[in-house]
């Protein structure tokens, strides 16, 4: 097992709660690498990836518009809601994918807001 995963294994739940207070860190909903459980859930991992993608899209000037950003959020919220209501059992892969959509949606809304404010002030 790599040193990085060993270090991640030692991150305490309290540290994760400070970084991401919304992450529940339920072991069944976290990816595993070997015997090591990641210190954050699949959806939070996807959300972080989505945020990074939104930064890359900002740099290339191709952020999704308000409609798409909202649609991306609806995709994640729908998966969460269906799971919460016990209508479907979500998988870690689905949580990761919908988390990417949600993170991209939130990131795009934030960056589009900053771009709008910047363009309005200049």
Protein backbone atom coordinates (compact mmCIF):
# COMPACT_ATOMS: atom_id res chain seq x y z
CA UNK A 1 0.00 0.00 0.00
CA UNK A 2 1.36 3.42 -0.89
CA UNK A 3 2.45 5.93 1.71
CA UNK A 4 -0.32 8.31 0.60
CA UNK A 5 -3.06 5.79 1.47
CA UNK A 6 -1.40 5.01 4.80
CA UNK A 7 -1.44 8.74 5.63
CA UNK A 8 -5.08 9.00 4.59
CA UNK A 9 -5.93 6.08 6.84
CA UNK A 10 -4.59 8.06 9.79
CA UNK A 11 -6.78 11.12 9.13
CA UNK A 12 -9.23 11.28 11.98
CA UNK A 13 -12.98 11.61 11.62
CA UNK A 14 -12.81 14.90 13.53
CA UNK A 15 -10.36 16.29 10.95
CA UNK A 16 -12.71 15.34 8.11
CA UNK A 17 -15.61 16.94 9.99
CA UNK A 18 -13.63 20.21 10.12
CA UNK A 19 -12.77 20.06 6.40
CA UNK A 20 -16.19 18.83 5.24
CA UNK A 21 -18.78 18.96 8.01
CA UNK A 22 -21.45 17.45 5.75
CA UNK A 23 -19.59 14.21 5.04
CA UNK A 24 -20.94 11.31 7.09
CA UNK A 25 -17.98 9.00 6.29
CA UNK A 26 -20.11 5.86 6.48
CA UNK A 27 -17.66 3.04 5.59
CA UNK A 28 -20.09 1.30 3.21
CA UNK A 29 -20.38 4.54 1.24
CA UNK A 30 -16.64 5.13 0.97
CA UNK A 31 -14.29 3.68 -1.61
CA UNK A 32 -11.62 1.31 -0.41
CA UNK A 33 -8.07 0.94 -1.66
CA UNK A 34 -6.84 -2.44 -0.51
CA UNK A 35 -7.90 -2.67 3.12
CA UNK A 36 -7.94 1.10 3.61
CA UNK A 37 -11.24 2.98 3.59
CA UNK A 38 -11.04 6.50 2.19
CA UNK A 39 -11.73 9.16 4.85
CA UNK A 40 -14.65 10.67 2.92
CA UNK A 41 -17.69 9.28 1.13
CA UNK A 42 -18.03 8.64 -2.60
CA UNK A 43 -20.38 11.56 -3.18
CA UNK A 44 -18.04 14.01 -1.44
CA UNK A 45 -15.14 12.69 -3.51
CA UNK A 46 -17.21 13.21 -6.67
CA UNK A 47 -18.18 16.70 -5.51
CA UNK A 48 -14.53 17.64 -5.01
CA UNK A 49 -13.72 16.33 -8.49
CA UNK A 50 -16.63 18.37 -9.89
CA UNK A 51 -15.31 21.51 -8.21
CA UNK A 52 -11.88 20.94 -9.76
CA UNK A 53 -13.47 20.42 -13.17
CA UNK A 54 -15.39 23.70 -12.75
CA UNK A 55 -12.10 25.53 -12.09
CA UNK A 56 -10.60 23.99 -15.24
CA UNK A 57 -13.67 25.00 -17.27
CA UNK A 58 -13.43 28.52 -15.83
CA UNK A 59 -9.82 28.76 -17.00
CA UNK A 60 -10.86 27.65 -20.50
CA UNK A 61 -13.89 29.98 -20.46
CA UNK A 62 -16.47 27.26 -21.03
CA UNK A 63 -18.49 27.12 -17.81
CA UNK A 64 -21.93 25.51 -18.01
CA UNK A 65 -24.76 28.05 -18.00
CA UNK A 66 -27.32 28.50 -15.22
CA UNK A 67 -29.71 25.92 -16.70
CA UNK A 68 -27.06 23.18 -16.97
CA UNK A 69 -25.60 23.98 -13.56
CA UNK A 70 -29.05 23.66 -12.01
CA UNK A 71 -29.70 20.44 -13.93
CA UNK A 72 -26.42 19.01 -12.61
CA UNK A 73 -27.51 19.82 -9.06
CA UNK A 74 -30.91 18.23 -9.64
CA UNK A 75 -29.20 15.03 -10.80
CA UNK A 76 -27.26 14.77 -7.54
CA UNK A 77 -30.20 15.77 -5.34
CA UNK A 78 -32.46 13.25 -7.10
CA UNK A 79 -30.01 10.41 -6.46
CA UNK A 80 -29.66 11.48 -2.83
CA UNK A 81 -33.43 11.86 -2.39
CA UNK A 82 -34.28 8.48 -3.93
CA UNK A 83 -31.72 6.85 -1.67
CA UNK A 84 -32.92 8.78 1.38
CA UNK A 85 -36.51 7.73 0.75
CA UNK A 86 -35.42 4.10 0.28
CA UNK A 87 -36.79 4.05 -3.27
CA UNK A 88 -33.47 2.89 -4.70
CA UNK A 89 -30.21 1.77 -3.20
CA UNK A 90 -27.46 3.93 -4.63
CA UNK A 91 -24.04 2.48 -5.34
CA UNK A 92 -20.70 4.09 -4.66
CA UNK A 93 -20.13 4.47 -8.40
CA UNK A 94 -23.49 6.23 -8.82
CA UNK A 95 -22.72 8.43 -5.79
CA UNK A 96 -19.35 9.33 -7.32
CA UNK A 97 -20.89 10.21 -10.71
CA UNK A 98 -23.77 12.23 -9.27
CA UNK A 99 -21.31 13.89 -6.89
CA UNK A 100 -19.22 15.01 -9.88
CA UNK A 101 -22.37 16.47 -11.47
CA UNK A 102 -23.31 18.21 -8.22
CA UNK A 103 -19.83 19.57 -7.62
CA UNK A 104 -19.65 20.82 -11.19
CA UNK A 105 -23.07 22.45 -10.80
CA UNK A 106 -22.18 24.21 -7.54
CA UNK A 107 -18.75 25.22 -8.81
CA UNK A 108 -20.21 26.58 -12.04
CA UNK A 109 -22.84 28.59 -10.17
CA UNK A 110 -20.17 30.08 -7.94
CA UNK A 111 -17.78 30.91 -10.78
CA UNK A 112 -20.55 32.27 -13.01
CA UNK A 113 -21.60 34.54 -10.14
CA UNK A 114 -18.03 35.82 -9.75
CA UNK A 115 -17.70 36.35 -13.50
CA UNK A 116 -21.02 38.22 -13.58
CA UNK A 117 -20.01 40.47 -10.65
CA UNK A 118 -16.59 41.09 -12.21
CA UNK A 119 -18.09 41.99 -15.60
CA UNK A 120 -20.74 44.20 -13.97
CA UNK A 121 -18.20 46.18 -11.98
CA UNK A 122 -15.92 46.80 -14.95
